[in-house]
């Protein structure tokens, strides 16, 4: 037996909620200090302006330290993106998500260890008897 549905009685689904603005981490909030020392948590591209399609001026590698002297929120494809302006070691803009506060009292190298050529090409035989 076929099912009959009156399409005039159906309700449209509610509109999707607008994306919530991302909260700025407390360490990146404006304060009395005009500059903050940070460390890159991942490799990140440094751009001339806060726009994500602006000219690339360099790159920070994971573990590199930088000085942040400003921040800006931009809208990109319906979501808010936080950008931080750095003034050292390069002048430009990076994603705030890829930065963390630097603990200047503790030196930590967040970079992965370099690959070793020592094991390259070696064969391993496993005898499970």
N, C-alpha and C. Protein backbone atom coordinates (compact mmCIF):
# COMPACT_ATOMS: atom_id res chain seq x y z
N UNK A 1 0.84 -1.16 0.00
CA UNK A 1 0.00 0.00 0.00
C UNK A 1 0.90 1.24 0.00
N UNK A 2 0.70 2.17 -0.92
CA UNK A 2 1.53 3.37 -0.99
C UNK A 2 1.23 4.31 0.17
N UNK A 3 2.25 5.04 0.58
CA UNK A 3 2.11 6.03 1.65
C UNK A 3 1.84 7.38 1.00
N UNK A 4 0.83 8.06 1.52
CA UNK A 4 0.50 9.37 0.99
C UNK A 4 0.97 10.44 1.97
N UNK A 5 1.64 11.45 1.43
CA UNK A 5 2.15 12.54 2.25
C UNK A 5 1.70 13.84 1.62
N UNK A 6 1.13 14.70 2.42
CA UNK A 6 0.74 16.02 1.96
C UNK A 6 1.94 16.94 2.16
N UNK A 7 2.59 17.34 1.06
CA UNK A 7 3.79 18.14 1.14
C UNK A 7 3.54 19.53 1.72
N UNK A 8 2.30 20.00 1.69
CA UNK A 8 1.98 21.31 2.26
C UNK A 8 2.02 21.28 3.78
N UNK A 9 1.92 20.11 4.38
CA UNK A 9 1.92 20.00 5.84
C UNK A 9 3.32 19.82 6.41
N UNK A 10 4.29 19.57 5.56
CA UNK A 10 5.65 19.38 6.05
C UNK A 10 6.28 20.73 6.38
N UNK A 11 7.08 20.75 7.42
CA UNK A 11 7.76 21.98 7.81
C UNK A 11 9.20 21.92 7.32
N UNK A 12 9.68 23.06 6.91
CA UNK A 12 11.09 23.14 6.49
C UNK A 12 11.97 23.01 7.73
N UNK A 13 13.11 22.40 7.57
CA UNK A 13 14.00 22.28 8.73
C UNK A 13 14.46 23.68 9.16
N UNK A 14 14.75 23.83 10.44
CA UNK A 14 15.20 25.16 10.90
C UNK A 14 16.54 25.50 10.24
N UNK A 15 16.79 26.79 10.05
CA UNK A 15 18.07 27.17 9.43
C UNK A 15 19.24 26.78 10.33
N UNK A 16 20.34 26.47 9.69
CA UNK A 16 21.53 26.09 10.45
C UNK A 16 22.01 27.30 11.26
N UNK A 17 22.46 27.06 12.48
CA UNK A 17 22.94 28.19 13.29
C UNK A 17 24.21 28.79 12.68
N UNK A 18 24.37 30.07 12.86
CA UNK A 18 25.58 30.75 12.36
C UNK A 18 26.78 30.21 13.13
N UNK A 19 27.92 30.07 12.46
CA UNK A 19 29.10 29.56 13.16
C UNK A 19 29.49 30.52 14.28
N UNK A 20 29.82 29.95 15.41
CA UNK A 20 30.22 30.76 16.56
C UNK A 20 31.63 31.30 16.35
N UNK A 21 31.84 32.49 16.78
CA UNK A 21 33.17 33.08 16.68
C UNK A 21 34.11 32.31 17.60
N UNK A 22 35.29 32.03 17.11
CA UNK A 22 36.26 31.33 17.93
C UNK A 22 36.75 32.26 19.02
N UNK A 23 36.90 31.69 20.21
CA UNK A 23 37.40 32.50 21.31
C UNK A 23 38.90 32.67 21.17
N UNK A 24 39.35 33.85 21.44
CA UNK A 24 40.78 34.14 21.40
C UNK A 24 41.39 33.61 22.69
N UNK A 25 42.49 32.83 22.60
CA UNK A 25 43.11 32.32 23.82
C UNK A 25 43.49 33.47 24.75
N UNK A 26 43.46 33.20 26.06
CA UNK A 26 43.73 34.25 27.04
C UNK A 26 45.12 34.86 26.84
N UNK A 27 46.07 34.03 26.42
CA UNK A 27 47.42 34.57 26.26
C UNK A 27 47.53 35.51 25.07
N UNK A 28 46.55 35.47 24.16
CA UNK A 28 46.59 36.33 22.98
C UNK A 28 45.69 37.56 23.13
N UNK A 29 44.99 37.66 24.27
CA UNK A 29 44.14 38.81 24.50
C UNK A 29 45.00 40.07 24.65
N UNK A 30 44.46 41.22 24.24
CA UNK A 30 45.21 42.46 24.46
C UNK A 30 45.46 42.67 25.94
N UNK A 31 46.60 43.18 26.28
CA UNK A 31 46.94 43.45 27.67
C UNK A 31 47.77 44.72 27.70
N UNK A 32 48.34 45.01 28.85
CA UNK A 32 49.21 46.18 28.97
C UNK A 32 50.47 46.00 28.16
N UNK A 33 50.87 44.76 27.93
CA UNK A 33 52.04 44.49 27.11
C UNK A 33 51.68 44.63 25.65
N UNK A 34 52.57 45.19 24.89
CA UNK A 34 52.29 45.34 23.47
C UNK A 34 52.91 44.21 22.66
N UNK A 35 53.83 43.46 23.25
CA UNK A 35 54.47 42.35 22.54
C UNK A 35 54.43 41.11 23.42
N UNK A 36 54.26 39.96 22.78
CA UNK A 36 54.25 38.68 23.48
C UNK A 36 55.21 37.74 22.78
N UNK A 37 55.95 36.98 23.54
CA UNK A 37 56.83 35.96 22.98
C UNK A 37 56.02 34.69 22.81
N UNK A 38 56.11 34.10 21.64
CA UNK A 38 55.36 32.87 21.32
C UNK A 38 56.29 31.87 20.66
N UNK A 39 55.81 30.65 20.56
CA UNK A 39 56.53 29.60 19.84
C UNK A 39 55.56 28.96 18.86
N UNK A 40 56.05 28.66 17.66
CA UNK A 40 55.21 28.01 16.65
C UNK A 40 55.02 26.55 17.03
N UNK A 41 53.78 26.10 17.10
CA UNK A 41 53.50 24.70 17.44
C UNK A 41 53.56 23.80 16.22
N UNK A 42 53.42 24.38 15.04
CA UNK A 42 53.52 23.66 13.77
C UNK A 42 54.20 24.58 12.77
N UNK A 43 54.63 24.03 11.65
CA UNK A 43 55.15 24.89 10.59
C UNK A 43 54.02 25.82 10.15
N UNK A 44 54.34 27.08 9.90
CA UNK A 44 53.30 28.01 9.45
C UNK A 44 53.88 29.03 8.48
N UNK A 45 53.02 29.46 7.58
CA UNK A 45 53.38 30.42 6.55
C UNK A 45 53.22 31.83 7.09
N UNK A 46 54.22 32.67 6.84
CA UNK A 46 54.15 34.08 7.23
C UNK A 46 53.78 34.87 5.98
N UNK A 47 52.70 35.65 6.08
CA UNK A 47 52.20 36.43 4.95
C UNK A 47 52.35 37.93 5.21
N UNK A 48 52.41 38.71 4.12
CA UNK A 48 52.63 40.15 4.21
C UNK A 48 51.50 40.85 4.97
N UNK A 49 50.24 40.47 4.71
CA UNK A 49 49.09 41.07 5.39
C UNK A 49 48.29 39.96 6.07
N UNK A 50 47.23 40.33 6.79
CA UNK A 50 46.43 39.33 7.49
C UNK A 50 45.59 38.49 6.54
N UNK A 51 45.40 38.93 5.31
CA UNK A 51 44.62 38.18 4.32
C UNK A 51 45.30 36.85 4.01
N UNK A 52 44.51 35.80 3.93
CA UNK A 52 45.06 34.46 3.69
C UNK A 52 45.60 34.26 2.29
N UNK A 53 45.31 35.20 1.39
CA UNK A 53 45.83 35.08 0.03
C UNK A 53 46.89 36.14 -0.27
N UNK A 54 47.42 36.77 0.77
CA UNK A 54 48.45 37.79 0.54
C UNK A 54 49.81 37.13 0.28
N UNK A 55 50.77 37.93 -0.13
CA UNK A 55 52.10 37.45 -0.51
C UNK A 55 52.80 36.75 0.66
N UNK A 56 53.43 35.62 0.37
CA UNK A 56 54.20 34.87 1.37
C UNK A 56 55.55 35.55 1.55
N UNK A 57 55.91 35.83 2.82
CA UNK A 57 57.22 36.45 3.08
C UNK A 57 58.19 35.48 3.74
N UNK A 58 57.71 34.34 4.20
CA UNK A 58 58.60 33.35 4.81
C UNK A 58 57.81 32.28 5.53
N UNK A 59 58.51 31.54 6.38
CA UNK A 59 57.89 30.43 7.10
C UNK A 59 58.49 30.33 8.48
N UNK A 60 57.65 29.99 9.46
CA UNK A 60 58.14 29.62 10.78
C UNK A 60 58.07 28.10 10.88
N UNK A 61 59.11 27.50 11.38
CA UNK A 61 59.14 26.05 11.57
C UNK A 61 58.64 25.75 12.99
N UNK A 62 58.12 24.56 13.20
CA UNK A 62 57.67 24.17 14.53
C UNK A 62 58.83 24.34 15.50
N UNK A 63 58.57 25.02 16.62
CA UNK A 63 59.60 25.26 17.62
C UNK A 63 60.25 26.63 17.50
N UNK A 64 60.08 27.31 16.36
CA UNK A 64 60.66 28.64 16.20
C UNK A 64 59.95 29.62 17.14
N UNK A 65 60.72 30.51 17.73
CA UNK A 65 60.17 31.54 18.60
C UNK A 65 59.90 32.79 17.77
N UNK A 66 58.87 33.52 18.18
CA UNK A 66 58.53 34.75 17.48
C UNK A 66 57.97 35.75 18.48
N UNK A 67 57.87 36.99 18.05
CA UNK A 67 57.29 38.05 18.87
C UNK A 67 56.01 38.52 18.19
N UNK A 68 54.90 38.45 18.92
CA UNK A 68 53.60 38.86 18.42
C UNK A 68 53.33 40.27 18.92
N UNK A 69 52.97 41.17 18.01
CA UNK A 69 52.69 42.55 18.42
C UNK A 69 51.31 43.03 17.98
N UNK A 70 50.45 42.13 17.52
CA UNK A 70 49.10 42.52 17.14
C UNK A 70 48.27 41.32 16.75
N UNK A 71 46.97 41.53 16.66
CA UNK A 71 46.07 40.45 16.30
C UNK A 71 44.86 41.01 15.59
N UNK A 72 44.28 40.21 14.70
CA UNK A 72 43.11 40.63 13.94
C UNK A 72 42.25 39.41 13.64
N UNK A 73 40.93 39.61 13.67
CA UNK A 73 39.98 38.57 13.28
C UNK A 73 39.53 38.87 11.87
N UNK A 74 39.56 37.86 11.01
CA UNK A 74 39.05 38.04 9.65
C UNK A 74 37.99 36.98 9.38
N UNK A 75 37.10 37.27 8.46
CA UNK A 75 36.05 36.33 8.09
C UNK A 75 36.48 35.60 6.83
N UNK A 76 36.41 34.29 6.88
CA UNK A 76 36.81 33.47 5.73
C UNK A 76 35.79 32.36 5.55
N UNK A 77 35.07 32.39 4.45
CA UNK A 77 34.08 31.36 4.10
C UNK A 77 33.11 31.11 5.24
N UNK A 78 32.58 32.17 5.82
CA UNK A 78 31.57 32.05 6.86
C UNK A 78 32.09 31.73 8.25
N UNK A 79 33.40 31.74 8.45
CA UNK A 79 33.92 31.50 9.79
C UNK A 79 34.97 32.55 10.13
N UNK A 80 35.19 32.74 11.41
CA UNK A 80 36.14 33.73 11.87
C UNK A 80 37.50 33.08 12.04
N UNK A 81 38.51 33.71 11.49
CA UNK A 81 39.89 33.21 11.58
C UNK A 81 40.71 34.25 12.32
N UNK A 82 41.45 33.80 13.33
CA UNK A 82 42.30 34.71 14.11
C UNK A 82 43.69 34.73 13.51
N UNK A 83 44.20 35.93 13.26
CA UNK A 83 45.54 36.12 12.70
C UNK A 83 46.38 36.92 13.68
N UNK A 84 47.64 36.58 13.83
CA UNK A 84 48.56 37.30 14.71
C UNK A 84 49.65 37.95 13.87
N UNK A 85 49.96 39.21 14.19
CA UNK A 85 51.03 39.92 13.51
C UNK A 85 52.33 39.69 14.29
N UNK A 86 53.36 39.25 13.59
CA UNK A 86 54.64 39.04 14.24
C UNK A 86 55.63 40.09 13.74
N UNK A 87 56.57 40.45 14.63
CA UNK A 87 57.58 41.45 14.27
C UNK A 87 58.99 40.88 14.38
N UNK A 88 59.13 39.65 14.81
CA UNK A 88 60.44 39.01 14.87
C UNK A 88 60.21 37.50 14.86
N UNK A 89 60.98 36.71 14.18
CA UNK A 89 62.15 37.04 13.38
C UNK A 89 61.80 37.62 12.00
N UNK A 90 60.51 37.54 11.61
CA UNK A 90 60.05 38.11 10.35
C UNK A 90 58.94 39.11 10.66
N UNK A 91 58.65 39.98 9.73
CA UNK A 91 57.48 40.85 9.84
C UNK A 91 56.39 40.27 8.96
N UNK A 92 55.24 39.98 9.55
CA UNK A 92 54.14 39.44 8.77
C UNK A 92 53.03 38.92 9.66
N UNK A 93 52.15 38.11 9.07
CA UNK A 93 50.97 37.58 9.75
C UNK A 93 50.95 36.06 9.68
N UNK A 94 50.54 35.42 10.78
CA UNK A 94 50.42 33.96 10.86
C UNK A 94 49.10 33.61 11.53
N UNK A 95 48.71 32.36 11.44
CA UNK A 95 47.51 31.87 12.11
C UNK A 95 47.76 31.79 13.61
N UNK A 96 46.87 32.38 14.41
CA UNK A 96 46.99 32.36 15.86
C UNK A 96 46.93 30.94 16.39
N UNK A 97 46.20 30.05 15.70
CA UNK A 97 46.07 28.67 16.15
C UNK A 97 47.40 27.93 16.15
N UNK A 98 48.35 28.40 15.38
CA UNK A 98 49.64 27.71 15.28
C UNK A 98 50.69 28.28 16.22
N UNK A 99 50.25 29.12 17.17
CA UNK A 99 51.17 29.71 18.13
C UNK A 99 50.78 29.33 19.55
N UNK A 100 51.76 29.27 20.42
CA UNK A 100 51.54 29.04 21.84
C UNK A 100 52.46 29.98 22.60
N UNK A 101 52.10 30.30 23.85
CA UNK A 101 52.98 31.18 24.61
C UNK A 101 54.33 30.52 24.83
N UNK A 102 55.38 31.32 24.73
CA UNK A 102 56.74 30.80 24.92
C UNK A 102 57.09 30.88 26.39
N UNK A 103 57.64 29.82 26.92
CA UNK A 103 58.16 29.83 28.29
C UNK A 103 59.64 30.11 28.17
N UNK A 104 60.02 31.38 28.29
CA UNK A 104 61.40 31.78 28.07
C UNK A 104 62.36 31.18 29.09
N UNK A 105 61.82 30.68 30.21
CA UNK A 105 62.70 30.07 31.19
C UNK A 105 63.05 28.63 30.86
N UNK A 106 62.33 28.04 29.94
CA UNK A 106 62.53 26.63 29.61
C UNK A 106 62.73 26.51 28.11
N UNK A 107 63.87 26.01 27.71
CA UNK A 107 64.14 25.82 26.29
C UNK A 107 63.60 24.45 25.87
N UNK A 108 62.67 24.44 24.97
CA UNK A 108 62.10 23.21 24.46
C UNK A 108 62.17 23.26 22.94
N UNK A 109 62.73 22.24 22.35
CA UNK A 109 62.77 22.17 20.89
C UNK A 109 61.62 21.28 20.45
N UNK A 110 60.60 21.88 19.85
CA UNK A 110 59.40 21.14 19.45
C UNK A 110 59.55 20.49 18.08
N UNK A 111 60.69 20.68 17.45
CA UNK A 111 60.87 20.10 16.11
C UNK A 111 61.07 18.59 16.20
N UNK A 112 60.58 17.86 15.21
CA UNK A 112 60.84 16.43 15.20
C UNK A 112 62.33 16.18 14.95
N UNK A 113 62.85 15.07 15.45
CA UNK A 113 64.27 14.80 15.22
C UNK A 113 64.54 14.59 13.73
N UNK A 114 65.74 14.94 13.28
CA UNK A 114 66.05 14.72 11.86
C UNK A 114 66.09 13.24 11.55
N UNK A 115 65.77 12.90 10.33
CA UNK A 115 65.83 11.49 9.92
C UNK A 115 67.27 11.04 9.81
N UNK A 116 67.51 9.85 10.25
CA UNK A 116 68.87 9.33 10.24
C UNK A 116 69.07 8.44 9.02
N UNK A 117 70.22 8.57 8.37
CA UNK A 117 70.57 7.70 7.26
C UNK A 117 71.16 6.38 7.76
N UNK A 118 71.36 6.28 9.08
CA UNK A 118 71.99 5.09 9.65
C UNK A 118 71.22 3.82 9.31
N UNK A 119 69.86 3.90 9.39
CA UNK A 119 69.05 2.71 9.17
C UNK A 119 68.59 2.56 7.72
N UNK A 120 68.88 3.50 6.90
CA UNK A 120 68.41 3.46 5.52
C UNK A 120 69.00 2.25 4.79
N UNK A 121 68.13 1.48 4.17
CA UNK A 121 68.58 0.36 3.35
C UNK A 121 68.92 -0.90 4.12
N UNK A 122 68.86 -0.90 5.45
CA UNK A 122 69.19 -2.09 6.22
C UNK A 122 68.01 -3.06 6.21
N UNK A 123 68.32 -4.34 6.22
CA UNK A 123 67.28 -5.37 6.24
C UNK A 123 67.21 -5.98 7.63
N UNK A 124 66.00 -6.31 8.02
CA UNK A 124 65.79 -6.94 9.31
C UNK A 124 65.12 -8.28 9.06
N UNK A 125 65.65 -9.33 9.67
CA UNK A 125 65.06 -10.66 9.55
C UNK A 125 64.52 -11.07 10.91
N UNK A 126 63.26 -11.51 10.93
CA UNK A 126 62.63 -11.93 12.17
C UNK A 126 62.41 -13.43 12.09
N UNK A 127 62.94 -14.14 13.06
CA UNK A 127 62.77 -15.59 13.14
C UNK A 127 61.89 -15.88 14.33
N UNK A 128 60.66 -16.34 14.09
CA UNK A 128 59.71 -16.53 15.19
C UNK A 128 59.69 -17.98 15.69
N UNK A 129 60.75 -18.71 15.53
CA UNK A 129 60.76 -20.10 16.01
C UNK A 129 61.25 -20.21 17.41
